[in-house]
Amino acid sequence: MGHGDTEQKSAGIRNREVAQRRKGGLGRLRHDCQTSQYDFDSFLSDSSIPGPTPTASQPGNVTGMPLKKSTRRILIVDDEVAIADTLALIFRTQHYDVRVAYSAERAIEVIAEWRPDLAIIDVMLPEMNGIDLAIVTKSNHRGCHVLLFSGHSNTAILLEEAVKKGHQFEVLAKPVHPSVMLERASELLADPDEPAWD
């Protein structure tokens, strides 16, 4: 298989993932067992990855000037330090303002004082799980978008319980390719229907 064929296959897989994700409901929870690790090295060298849209104060690469830091704030919540820190690094390379919390309890403190625009939360956290954290976040901080991700099969059960209580969240299945997560984050942050911070 040639290099062009490999790129076409990768693009096809990525497009199918995006199409599956947009179907909604519990169908957004996708299981991909073909790879067990994030492909961070190839991601960091990929110049086509979506990031925040440059503004007048962010002239971008079109003029050859470096991008300034985005004013969009993202909180990464995962008790696996390596994953949380690597995701934070990836979002920082796309010029987002990023903080990390390794527990739901710390995340609640950060959200209250720092007010992120988006919280990316692992479902399986010690003490309080990520879905309960998402419910607390949306109830108390409507200006914060929530995106969950998980590699555990019982996430579907937790999601069903949340739906019964009137809460519906999107969950990306681990491992999530960084470009998929960045694309979804960009879409959420660009959503005009969601309320902003007061």
N, C-alpha and C. Protein backbone atom coordinates (compact mmCIF):
# COMPACT_ATOMS: atom_id res chain seq x y z
N MET A 1 0.85 -1.20 0.00
CA MET A 1 0.00 0.00 0.00
C MET A 1 0.88 1.24 0.00
N GLY A 2 0.66 2.15 -0.96
CA GLY A 2 1.48 3.34 -1.09
C GLY A 2 1.14 4.38 -0.04
N HIS A 3 2.00 5.42 0.00
CA HIS A 3 1.81 6.50 0.98
C HIS A 3 0.48 7.21 0.76
N GLY A 4 0.11 7.44 -0.51
CA GLY A 4 -1.16 8.10 -0.82
C GLY A 4 -2.35 7.27 -0.37
N ASP A 5 -2.24 5.93 -0.55
CA ASP A 5 -3.32 5.05 -0.11
C ASP A 5 -3.49 5.10 1.40
N THR A 6 -2.36 5.14 2.12
CA THR A 6 -2.41 5.21 3.58
C THR A 6 -3.09 6.49 4.04
N GLU A 7 -2.75 7.62 3.38
CA GLU A 7 -3.37 8.90 3.74
C GLU A 7 -4.86 8.88 3.46
N GLN A 8 -5.26 8.28 2.31
CA GLN A 8 -6.68 8.20 1.97
C GLN A 8 -7.43 7.35 2.98
N LYS A 9 -6.83 6.22 3.39
CA LYS A 9 -7.46 5.35 4.38
C LYS A 9 -7.62 6.08 5.71
N SER A 10 -6.58 6.80 6.15
CA SER A 10 -6.65 7.55 7.40
C SER A 10 -7.72 8.62 7.34
N ALA A 11 -7.81 9.30 6.20
CA ALA A 11 -8.83 10.35 6.05
C ALA A 11 -10.22 9.73 6.09
N GLY A 12 -10.37 8.56 5.47
CA GLY A 12 -11.66 7.88 5.47
C GLY A 12 -12.09 7.47 6.86
N ILE A 13 -11.13 6.95 7.63
CA ILE A 13 -11.42 6.55 9.02
C ILE A 13 -11.82 7.76 9.83
N ARG A 14 -11.08 8.87 9.67
CA ARG A 14 -11.38 10.09 10.42
C ARG A 14 -12.77 10.62 10.05
N ASN A 15 -13.12 10.59 8.74
CA ASN A 15 -14.43 11.07 8.31
C ASN A 15 -15.55 10.20 8.86
N ARG A 16 -15.33 8.87 8.90
CA ARG A 16 -16.34 7.98 9.47
C ARG A 16 -16.52 8.26 10.95
N GLU A 17 -15.40 8.54 11.66
CA GLU A 17 -15.50 8.84 13.09
C GLU A 17 -16.33 10.09 13.31
N VAL A 18 -16.08 11.11 12.50
CA VAL A 18 -16.82 12.37 12.65
C VAL A 18 -18.29 12.14 12.34
N ALA A 19 -18.58 11.37 11.27
CA ALA A 19 -19.98 11.10 10.91
C ALA A 19 -20.67 10.32 12.02
N GLN A 20 -19.98 9.32 12.59
CA GLN A 20 -20.57 8.55 13.67
C GLN A 20 -20.84 9.44 14.87
N ARG A 21 -19.91 10.32 15.18
CA ARG A 21 -20.05 11.18 16.34
C ARG A 21 -21.26 12.09 16.20
N ARG A 22 -21.56 12.53 14.97
CA ARG A 22 -22.64 13.48 14.76
C ARG A 22 -24.01 12.82 14.77
N LYS A 23 -24.07 11.50 14.83
CA LYS A 23 -25.37 10.82 14.87
C LYS A 23 -26.10 11.10 16.17
N GLY A 24 -25.38 11.38 17.23
CA GLY A 24 -25.99 11.79 18.49
C GLY A 24 -26.26 10.63 19.43
N GLY A 25 -26.77 11.02 20.65
CA GLY A 25 -27.13 10.04 21.66
C GLY A 25 -25.98 9.16 22.07
N LEU A 26 -26.30 7.93 22.48
CA LEU A 26 -25.29 7.00 22.94
C LEU A 26 -24.44 6.49 21.79
N GLY A 27 -24.89 6.71 20.55
CA GLY A 27 -24.09 6.32 19.40
C GLY A 27 -22.78 7.08 19.30
N ARG A 28 -22.67 8.16 20.06
CA ARG A 28 -21.44 8.92 20.03
C ARG A 28 -20.31 8.20 20.76
N LEU A 29 -20.66 7.21 21.58
CA LEU A 29 -19.65 6.46 22.29
C LEU A 29 -19.12 5.40 21.34
N ARG A 30 -17.93 5.62 20.83
CA ARG A 30 -17.35 4.72 19.84
C ARG A 30 -16.18 3.97 20.45
N HIS A 31 -16.06 2.71 20.09
CA HIS A 31 -14.96 1.90 20.59
C HIS A 31 -14.03 1.59 19.42
N ASP A 32 -12.79 1.98 19.57
CA ASP A 32 -11.79 1.75 18.53
C ASP A 32 -10.64 0.98 19.16
N CYS A 33 -10.58 -0.32 18.88
CA CYS A 33 -9.56 -1.16 19.52
C CYS A 33 -8.36 -1.38 18.61
N GLN A 34 -8.29 -0.70 17.47
CA GLN A 34 -7.20 -0.93 16.54
C GLN A 34 -5.89 -0.37 17.06
N THR A 35 -5.95 0.63 17.93
CA THR A 35 -4.73 1.22 18.46
C THR A 35 -4.92 1.46 19.95
N SER A 36 -3.87 1.30 20.71
CA SER A 36 -4.00 1.45 22.16
C SER A 36 -3.32 2.71 22.67
N GLN A 37 -2.73 3.50 21.78
CA GLN A 37 -2.03 4.70 22.22
C GLN A 37 -2.40 5.87 21.32
N TYR A 38 -2.25 7.06 21.86
CA TYR A 38 -2.42 8.25 21.07
C TYR A 38 -1.19 8.39 20.17
N ASP A 39 -1.40 8.78 18.93
CA ASP A 39 -0.28 8.97 18.01
C ASP A 39 0.15 10.43 18.06
N PHE A 40 0.75 10.83 19.21
CA PHE A 40 1.05 12.23 19.44
C PHE A 40 2.15 12.76 18.52
N ASP A 41 3.16 11.93 18.23
CA ASP A 41 4.28 12.41 17.41
C ASP A 41 3.81 12.82 16.02
N SER A 42 3.01 11.95 15.38
CA SER A 42 2.54 12.30 14.04
C SER A 42 1.57 13.46 14.10
N PHE A 43 0.80 13.54 15.20
CA PHE A 43 -0.13 14.66 15.36
C PHE A 43 0.61 15.98 15.40
N LEU A 44 1.66 16.04 16.21
CA LEU A 44 2.38 17.31 16.41
C LEU A 44 3.04 17.79 15.13
N SER A 45 3.27 16.87 14.18
CA SER A 45 3.89 17.29 12.92
C SER A 45 2.86 17.54 11.83
N ASP A 46 1.57 17.37 12.15
CA ASP A 46 0.50 17.54 11.17
C ASP A 46 0.03 18.99 11.16
N SER A 47 0.28 19.69 10.07
CA SER A 47 -0.05 21.12 10.00
C SER A 47 -1.51 21.37 9.66
N SER A 48 -2.30 20.31 9.38
CA SER A 48 -3.69 20.51 8.99
C SER A 48 -4.66 20.41 10.17
N ILE A 49 -4.13 20.31 11.39
CA ILE A 49 -4.98 20.14 12.56
C ILE A 49 -5.73 21.43 12.85
N PRO A 50 -7.04 21.34 13.13
CA PRO A 50 -7.82 22.55 13.40
C PRO A 50 -7.46 23.17 14.74
N GLY A 51 -7.49 24.47 14.79
CA GLY A 51 -7.26 25.19 16.04
C GLY A 51 -8.20 26.35 16.11
N PRO A 52 -8.01 27.23 17.09
CA PRO A 52 -8.90 28.39 17.18
C PRO A 52 -8.76 29.28 15.95
N THR A 53 -9.85 29.86 15.51
CA THR A 53 -9.82 30.73 14.34
C THR A 53 -9.10 32.02 14.67
N PRO A 54 -8.08 32.41 13.88
CA PRO A 54 -7.38 33.66 14.15
C PRO A 54 -8.33 34.85 14.07
N THR A 55 -8.12 35.82 14.93
CA THR A 55 -8.92 37.04 14.93
C THR A 55 -8.04 38.20 14.55
N ALA A 56 -8.60 39.43 14.60
CA ALA A 56 -7.81 40.60 14.27
C ALA A 56 -6.61 40.71 15.19
N SER A 57 -6.78 40.30 16.45
CA SER A 57 -5.64 40.37 17.37
C SER A 57 -4.74 39.16 17.23
N GLN A 58 -5.18 38.16 16.41
CA GLN A 58 -4.38 36.98 16.13
C GLN A 58 -4.20 36.89 14.62
N PRO A 59 -3.23 37.60 14.06
CA PRO A 59 -3.12 37.64 12.61
C PRO A 59 -2.87 36.29 11.97
N GLY A 60 -2.29 35.36 12.70
CA GLY A 60 -2.10 34.02 12.17
C GLY A 60 -0.95 33.91 11.21
N ASN A 61 -0.81 32.74 10.61
CA ASN A 61 0.32 32.46 9.75
C ASN A 61 0.18 33.08 8.36
N VAL A 62 -1.01 33.60 8.03
CA VAL A 62 -1.21 34.19 6.71
C VAL A 62 -0.25 35.34 6.50
N THR A 63 0.00 36.10 7.54
CA THR A 63 0.91 37.24 7.43
C THR A 63 2.33 36.88 7.81
N GLY A 64 2.54 35.62 8.22
CA GLY A 64 3.87 35.21 8.63
C GLY A 64 4.17 35.55 10.08
N MET A 65 3.20 36.16 10.77
CA MET A 65 3.42 36.52 12.17
C MET A 65 2.98 35.35 13.05
N PRO A 66 3.62 35.15 14.22
CA PRO A 66 3.22 34.05 15.10
C PRO A 66 1.85 34.31 15.71
N LEU A 67 1.10 33.23 15.95
CA LEU A 67 -0.20 33.36 16.58
C LEU A 67 -0.04 33.75 18.04
N LYS A 68 -0.88 34.64 18.51
CA LYS A 68 -0.90 34.98 19.93
C LYS A 68 -1.74 33.94 20.66
N LYS A 69 -1.62 33.89 21.96
CA LYS A 69 -2.38 32.94 22.76
C LYS A 69 -3.87 33.22 22.63
N SER A 70 -4.65 32.14 22.47
CA SER A 70 -6.10 32.28 22.38
C SER A 70 -6.67 32.70 23.73
N THR A 71 -7.79 33.40 23.68
CA THR A 71 -8.47 33.75 24.92
C THR A 71 -9.41 32.63 25.34
N ARG A 72 -9.52 31.58 24.52
CA ARG A 72 -10.41 30.46 24.84
C ARG A 72 -9.72 29.56 25.85
N ARG A 73 -10.42 29.28 26.96
CA ARG A 73 -9.85 28.51 28.06
C ARG A 73 -10.37 27.08 28.05
N ILE A 74 -9.46 26.13 28.18
CA ILE A 74 -9.83 24.72 28.19
C ILE A 74 -9.23 24.06 29.43
N LEU A 75 -10.09 23.32 30.13
CA LEU A 75 -9.66 22.54 31.29
C LEU A 75 -9.66 21.07 30.92
N ILE A 76 -8.54 20.39 31.14
CA ILE A 76 -8.42 18.95 30.91
C ILE A 76 -8.51 18.27 32.27
N VAL A 77 -9.42 17.31 32.40
CA VAL A 77 -9.60 16.60 33.67
C VAL A 77 -9.39 15.10 33.43
N ASP A 78 -8.31 14.57 33.98
CA ASP A 78 -8.00 13.14 33.86
C ASP A 78 -7.05 12.77 34.98
N ASP A 79 -7.32 11.66 35.67
CA ASP A 79 -6.43 11.25 36.75
C ASP A 79 -5.17 10.56 36.22
N GLU A 80 -5.15 10.23 34.93
CA GLU A 80 -3.92 9.70 34.32
C GLU A 80 -3.07 10.89 33.91
N VAL A 81 -2.05 11.15 34.69
CA VAL A 81 -1.25 12.36 34.54
C VAL A 81 -0.66 12.49 33.14
N ALA A 82 -0.14 11.40 32.60
CA ALA A 82 0.50 11.45 31.28
C ALA A 82 -0.50 11.87 30.21
N ILE A 83 -1.72 11.33 30.27
CA ILE A 83 -2.73 11.68 29.27
C ILE A 83 -3.16 13.13 29.43
N ALA A 84 -3.42 13.53 30.67
CA ALA A 84 -3.86 14.91 30.91
C ALA A 84 -2.81 15.92 30.46
N ASP A 85 -1.57 15.67 30.82
CA ASP A 85 -0.50 16.62 30.47
C ASP A 85 -0.25 16.65 28.97
N THR A 86 -0.35 15.49 28.31
CA THR A 86 -0.11 15.46 26.86
C THR A 86 -1.23 16.16 26.11
N LEU A 87 -2.47 15.94 26.54
CA LEU A 87 -3.59 16.66 25.91
C LEU A 87 -3.44 18.16 26.11
N ALA A 88 -3.02 18.56 27.30
CA ALA A 88 -2.81 19.99 27.57
C ALA A 88 -1.76 20.54 26.62
N LEU A 89 -0.68 19.80 26.42
CA LEU A 89 0.38 20.24 25.51
C LEU A 89 -0.16 20.40 24.09
N ILE A 90 -0.97 19.43 23.65
CA ILE A 90 -1.52 19.48 22.30
C ILE A 90 -2.42 20.70 22.12
N PHE A 91 -3.28 20.97 23.09
CA PHE A 91 -4.15 22.14 22.98
C PHE A 91 -3.35 23.44 23.05
N ARG A 92 -2.27 23.44 23.83
CA ARG A 92 -1.42 24.64 23.88
C ARG A 92 -0.72 24.89 22.55
N THR A 93 -0.35 23.80 21.83
CA THR A 93 0.27 23.99 20.52
C THR A 93 -0.69 24.66 19.55
N GLN A 94 -2.00 24.55 19.84
CA GLN A 94 -3.02 25.19 19.01
C GLN A 94 -3.45 26.54 19.59
N HIS A 95 -2.66 27.02 20.56
CA HIS A 95 -2.81 28.38 21.10
C HIS A 95 -4.03 28.59 22.00
N TYR A 96 -4.50 27.50 22.63
CA TYR A 96 -5.53 27.64 23.65
C TYR A 96 -4.86 27.89 24.99
N ASP A 97 -5.60 28.52 25.90
CA ASP A 97 -5.16 28.72 27.28
C ASP A 97 -5.65 27.50 28.05
N VAL A 98 -4.75 26.69 28.60
CA VAL A 98 -5.10 25.38 29.13
C VAL A 98 -4.65 25.22 30.58
N ARG A 99 -5.52 24.58 31.37
CA ARG A 99 -5.15 24.12 32.71
C ARG A 99 -5.54 22.66 32.84
N VAL A 100 -4.92 21.99 33.84
CA VAL A 100 -5.14 20.57 34.05
C VAL A 100 -5.59 20.34 35.48
N ALA A 101 -6.53 19.40 35.66
CA ALA A 101 -6.93 18.93 36.99
C ALA A 101 -6.89 17.41 36.96
N TYR A 102 -6.33 16.81 38.01
CA TYR A 102 -6.19 15.35 38.06
C TYR A 102 -7.30 14.69 38.89
N SER A 103 -8.29 15.47 39.32
CA SER A 103 -9.43 14.92 40.05
C SER A 103 -10.63 15.81 39.82
N ALA A 104 -11.82 15.25 40.04
CA ALA A 104 -13.05 16.02 39.89
C ALA A 104 -13.10 17.15 40.91
N GLU A 105 -12.64 16.86 42.12
CA GLU A 105 -12.68 17.86 43.19
C GLU A 105 -11.83 19.07 42.83
N ARG A 106 -10.65 18.82 42.29
CA ARG A 106 -9.79 19.94 41.88
C ARG A 106 -10.40 20.67 40.69
N ALA A 107 -11.03 19.92 39.79
CA ALA A 107 -11.67 20.53 38.62
C ALA A 107 -12.76 21.51 39.04
N ILE A 108 -13.55 21.15 40.05
CA ILE A 108 -14.61 22.03 40.53
C ILE A 108 -14.02 23.35 41.02
N GLU A 109 -12.90 23.28 41.73
CA GLU A 109 -12.23 24.49 42.21
C GLU A 109 -11.74 25.35 41.05
N VAL A 110 -11.11 24.69 40.06
CA VAL A 110 -10.56 25.43 38.91
C VAL A 110 -11.68 26.09 38.11
N ILE A 111 -12.77 25.36 37.88
CA ILE A 111 -13.89 25.91 37.10
C ILE A 111 -14.48 27.13 37.80
N ALA A 112 -14.61 27.06 39.11
CA ALA A 112 -15.20 28.17 39.86
C ALA A 112 -14.33 29.42 39.82
N GLU A 113 -13.01 29.24 39.89
CA GLU A 113 -12.14 30.41 39.96
C GLU A 113 -11.63 30.89 38.60
N TRP A 114 -11.49 29.97 37.65
CA TRP A 114 -10.86 30.30 36.37
C TRP A 114 -11.86 30.42 35.22
N ARG A 115 -13.00 29.76 35.35
CA ARG A 115 -14.10 29.83 34.38
C ARG A 115 -13.68 29.47 32.95
N PRO A 116 -13.37 28.19 32.71
CA PRO A 116 -13.00 27.77 31.36
C PRO A 116 -14.19 27.80 30.41
N ASP A 117 -13.91 27.87 29.13
CA ASP A 117 -14.94 27.80 28.10
C ASP A 117 -15.33 26.36 27.80
N LEU A 118 -14.40 25.44 28.05
CA LEU A 118 -14.62 24.03 27.76
C LEU A 118 -13.90 23.18 28.79
N ALA A 119 -14.59 22.16 29.30
CA ALA A 119 -13.97 21.16 30.18
C ALA A 119 -13.99 19.82 29.45
N ILE A 120 -12.82 19.24 29.24
CA ILE A 120 -12.69 17.92 28.62
C ILE A 120 -12.42 16.95 29.76
N ILE A 121 -13.37 16.05 30.01
CA ILE A 121 -13.37 15.27 31.24
C ILE A 121 -13.35 13.77 30.97
N ASP A 122 -12.41 13.07 31.61
CA ASP A 122 -12.40 11.61 31.58
C ASP A 122 -13.55 11.11 32.45
N VAL A 123 -14.27 10.09 31.99
CA VAL A 123 -15.43 9.61 32.74
C VAL A 123 -15.01 8.88 34.02
N MET A 124 -13.96 8.06 33.93
CA MET A 124 -13.55 7.27 35.09
C MET A 124 -12.51 8.02 35.92
N LEU A 125 -13.01 8.71 36.93
CA LEU A 125 -12.16 9.44 37.86
C LEU A 125 -12.36 8.86 39.25
N PRO A 126 -11.36 8.97 40.13
CA PRO A 126 -11.56 8.50 41.51
C PRO A 126 -12.56 9.40 42.23
N GLU A 127 -13.19 8.87 43.25
CA GLU A 127 -14.20 9.61 44.02
C GLU A 127 -15.40 9.95 43.13
N MET A 128 -15.50 11.18 42.65
CA MET A 128 -16.61 11.59 41.77
C MET A 128 -16.26 11.23 40.33
N ASN A 129 -17.19 10.55 39.61
CA ASN A 129 -16.90 10.21 38.22
C ASN A 129 -17.13 11.42 37.31
N GLY A 130 -16.64 11.30 36.08
CA GLY A 130 -16.69 12.42 35.15
C GLY A 130 -18.08 12.85 34.73
N ILE A 131 -19.04 11.91 34.70
CA ILE A 131 -20.41 12.28 34.33
C ILE A 131 -21.05 13.10 35.44
N ASP A 132 -20.82 12.71 36.70
CA ASP A 132 -21.32 13.51 37.81
C ASP A 132 -20.68 14.90 37.82
N LEU A 133 -19.38 14.95 37.50
CA LEU A 133 -18.70 16.24 37.40
C LEU A 133 -19.32 17.08 36.28
N ALA A 134 -19.62 16.45 35.16
CA ALA A 134 -20.24 17.17 34.04
C ALA A 134 -21.60 17.74 34.44
N ILE A 135 -22.38 16.96 35.21
CA ILE A 135 -23.70 17.42 35.66
C ILE A 135 -23.55 18.63 36.58
N VAL A 136 -22.61 18.53 37.53
CA VAL A 136 -22.35 19.65 38.45
C VAL A 136 -21.90 20.88 37.67
N THR A 137 -21.02 20.66 36.70
CA THR A 137 -20.48 21.77 35.91
C THR A 137 -21.58 22.48 35.14
N LYS A 138 -22.42 21.71 34.43
CA LYS A 138 -23.47 22.33 33.62
C LYS A 138 -24.55 22.98 34.48
N SER A 139 -24.77 22.43 35.68
CA SER A 139 -25.78 23.00 36.58
C SER A 139 -25.33 24.32 37.18
N ASN A 140 -24.05 24.42 37.49
CA ASN A 140 -23.54 25.60 38.19
C ASN A 140 -22.79 26.60 37.31
N HIS A 141 -22.34 26.14 36.15
CA HIS A 141 -21.53 27.01 35.28
C HIS A 141 -21.96 26.81 33.83
N ARG A 142 -23.10 27.38 33.48
CA ARG A 142 -23.68 27.14 32.16
C ARG A 142 -22.79 27.64 31.03
N GLY A 143 -21.86 28.52 31.31
CA GLY A 143 -20.98 29.03 30.26
C GLY A 143 -19.87 28.09 29.89
N CYS A 144 -19.76 26.96 30.56
CA CYS A 144 -18.69 26.00 30.30
C CYS A 144 -19.22 24.82 29.50
N HIS A 145 -18.71 24.63 28.30
CA HIS A 145 -19.04 23.44 27.50
C HIS A 145 -18.41 22.23 28.16
N VAL A 146 -18.97 21.05 27.90
CA VAL A 146 -18.43 19.81 28.46
C VAL A 146 -18.28 18.78 27.34
N LEU A 147 -17.11 18.13 27.30
CA LEU A 147 -16.86 17.04 26.38
C LEU A 147 -16.24 15.90 27.20
N LEU A 148 -16.88 14.74 27.19
CA LEU A 148 -16.39 13.60 27.95
C LEU A 148 -15.62 12.65 27.04
N PHE A 149 -14.69 11.91 27.64
CA PHE A 149 -14.03 10.83 26.91
C PHE A 149 -13.75 9.68 27.86
N SER A 150 -13.79 8.45 27.31
CA SER A 150 -13.67 7.28 28.18
C SER A 150 -13.21 6.06 27.40
N GLY A 151 -12.54 5.17 28.11
CA GLY A 151 -12.14 3.90 27.53
C GLY A 151 -12.78 2.72 28.24
N HIS A 152 -13.78 2.97 29.09
CA HIS A 152 -14.41 1.91 29.89
C HIS A 152 -15.80 1.58 29.36
N SER A 153 -16.11 0.29 29.32
CA SER A 153 -17.38 -0.16 28.76
C SER A 153 -18.57 0.24 29.63
N ASN A 154 -18.39 0.36 30.95
CA ASN A 154 -19.54 0.71 31.79
C ASN A 154 -19.90 2.19 31.72
N THR A 155 -19.18 2.95 30.88
CA THR A 155 -19.56 4.34 30.64
C THR A 155 -20.98 4.43 30.10
N ALA A 156 -21.37 3.48 29.25
CA ALA A 156 -22.71 3.50 28.66
C ALA A 156 -23.78 3.42 29.74
N ILE A 157 -23.52 2.63 30.78
CA ILE A 157 -24.48 2.52 31.89
C ILE A 157 -24.61 3.85 32.61
N LEU A 158 -23.47 4.50 32.88
CA LEU A 158 -23.49 5.80 33.55
C LEU A 158 -24.21 6.84 32.70
N LEU A 159 -24.00 6.76 31.38
CA LEU A 159 -24.66 7.70 30.48
C LEU A 159 -26.18 7.51 30.49
N GLU A 160 -26.61 6.25 30.49
CA GLU A 160 -28.05 5.97 30.52
C GLU A 160 -28.68 6.51 31.79
N GLU A 161 -27.97 6.37 32.91
CA GLU A 161 -28.48 6.90 34.18
C GLU A 161 -28.60 8.42 34.12
N ALA A 162 -27.60 9.06 33.49
CA ALA A 162 -27.63 10.53 33.36
C ALA A 162 -28.79 10.96 32.48
N VAL A 163 -29.03 10.22 31.38
CA VAL A 163 -30.13 10.55 30.47
C VAL A 163 -31.47 10.47 31.19
N LYS A 164 -31.63 9.45 32.05
CA LYS A 164 -32.87 9.31 32.82
C LYS A 164 -33.11 10.51 33.72
N LYS A 165 -32.03 11.16 34.14
CA LYS A 165 -32.13 12.35 34.99
C LYS A 165 -32.21 13.64 34.17
N GLY A 166 -32.25 13.49 32.85
CA GLY A 166 -32.39 14.66 31.99
C GLY A 166 -31.08 15.28 31.53
N HIS A 167 -29.99 14.54 31.63
CA HIS A 167 -28.68 15.06 31.22
C HIS A 167 -28.14 14.22 30.07
N GLN A 168 -27.72 14.90 29.01
CA GLN A 168 -27.16 14.19 27.87
C GLN A 168 -25.81 14.79 27.53
N PHE A 169 -24.81 13.93 27.40
CA PHE A 169 -23.45 14.39 27.12
C PHE A 169 -22.85 13.59 25.97
N GLU A 170 -21.98 14.24 25.26
CA GLU A 170 -21.24 13.57 24.20
C GLU A 170 -20.01 12.91 24.81
N VAL A 171 -19.74 11.67 24.41
CA VAL A 171 -18.58 10.94 24.91
C VAL A 171 -17.77 10.43 23.73
N LEU A 172 -16.51 10.78 23.70
CA LEU A 172 -15.59 10.23 22.71
C LEU A 172 -14.89 9.03 23.34
N ALA A 173 -14.75 7.95 22.58
CA ALA A 173 -14.14 6.73 23.11
C ALA A 173 -12.62 6.81 23.01
N LYS A 174 -11.95 6.46 24.11
CA LYS A 174 -10.49 6.35 24.09
C LYS A 174 -10.12 5.09 23.31
N PRO A 175 -9.02 5.13 22.58
CA PRO A 175 -8.16 6.29 22.34
C PRO A 175 -8.78 7.23 21.32
N VAL A 176 -8.72 8.51 21.59
CA VAL A 176 -9.24 9.53 20.68
C VAL A 176 -8.05 10.15 19.96
N HIS A 177 -8.09 10.15 18.64
CA HIS A 177 -7.00 10.82 17.92
C HIS A 177 -7.06 12.31 18.25
N PRO A 178 -5.93 12.93 18.55
CA PRO A 178 -5.93 14.34 18.93
C PRO A 178 -6.64 15.25 17.94
N SER A 179 -6.56 14.94 16.65
CA SER A 179 -7.21 15.81 15.66
C SER A 179 -8.72 15.76 15.81
N VAL A 180 -9.28 14.58 16.18
CA VAL A 180 -10.72 14.46 16.40
C VAL A 180 -11.14 15.28 17.60
N MET A 181 -10.35 15.20 18.69
CA MET A 181 -10.69 15.96 19.88
C MET A 181 -10.56 17.46 19.63
N LEU A 182 -9.53 17.87 18.92
CA LEU A 182 -9.36 19.29 18.60
C LEU A 182 -10.50 19.80 17.73
N GLU A 183 -10.89 18.99 16.76
CA GLU A 183 -11.99 19.40 15.87
C GLU A 183 -13.28 19.58 16.66
N ARG A 184 -13.57 18.62 17.55
CA ARG A 184 -14.81 18.70 18.32
C ARG A 184 -14.77 19.88 19.28
N ALA A 185 -13.62 20.11 19.90
CA ALA A 185 -13.48 21.26 20.80
C ALA A 185 -13.71 22.55 20.06
N SER A 186 -13.15 22.65 18.86
CA SER A 186 -13.32 23.85 18.05
C SER A 186 -14.78 24.07 17.70
N GLU A 187 -15.50 22.97 17.36
CA GLU A 187 -16.93 23.07 17.04
C GLU A 187 -17.73 23.54 18.25
N LEU A 188 -17.44 22.98 19.42
CA LEU A 188 -18.17 23.37 20.62
C LEU A 188 -17.94 24.83 20.98
N LEU A 189 -16.70 25.28 20.86
CA LEU A 189 -16.37 26.65 21.22
C LEU A 189 -16.93 27.65 20.22
N ALA A 190 -17.25 27.18 19.01
CA ALA A 190 -17.81 28.07 18.00
C ALA A 190 -19.33 28.06 17.99
N ASP A 191 -19.96 27.25 18.88
CA ASP A 191 -21.41 27.09 18.88
C ASP A 191 -22.09 28.34 19.43
N PRO A 192 -22.83 29.08 18.59
CA PRO A 192 -23.47 30.30 19.05
C PRO A 192 -24.68 30.07 19.94
N ASP A 193 -25.21 28.84 19.96
CA ASP A 193 -26.41 28.55 20.74
C ASP A 193 -26.12 28.33 22.21
N GLU A 194 -24.86 28.04 22.54
CA GLU A 194 -24.52 27.81 23.94
C GLU A 194 -24.29 29.13 24.66
N PRO A 195 -24.74 29.24 25.92
CA PRO A 195 -24.55 30.48 26.67
C PRO A 195 -23.09 30.72 27.02
N ALA A 196 -22.73 31.97 27.08
CA ALA A 196 -21.37 32.34 27.47
C ALA A 196 -21.38 32.75 28.93
N TRP A 197 -20.18 32.91 29.47
CA TRP A 197 -20.07 33.38 30.85
C TRP A 197 -20.68 34.78 30.98
N ASP A 198 -21.22 35.06 32.14
CA ASP A 198 -21.77 36.40 32.41
C ASP A 198 -20.64 37.42 32.51
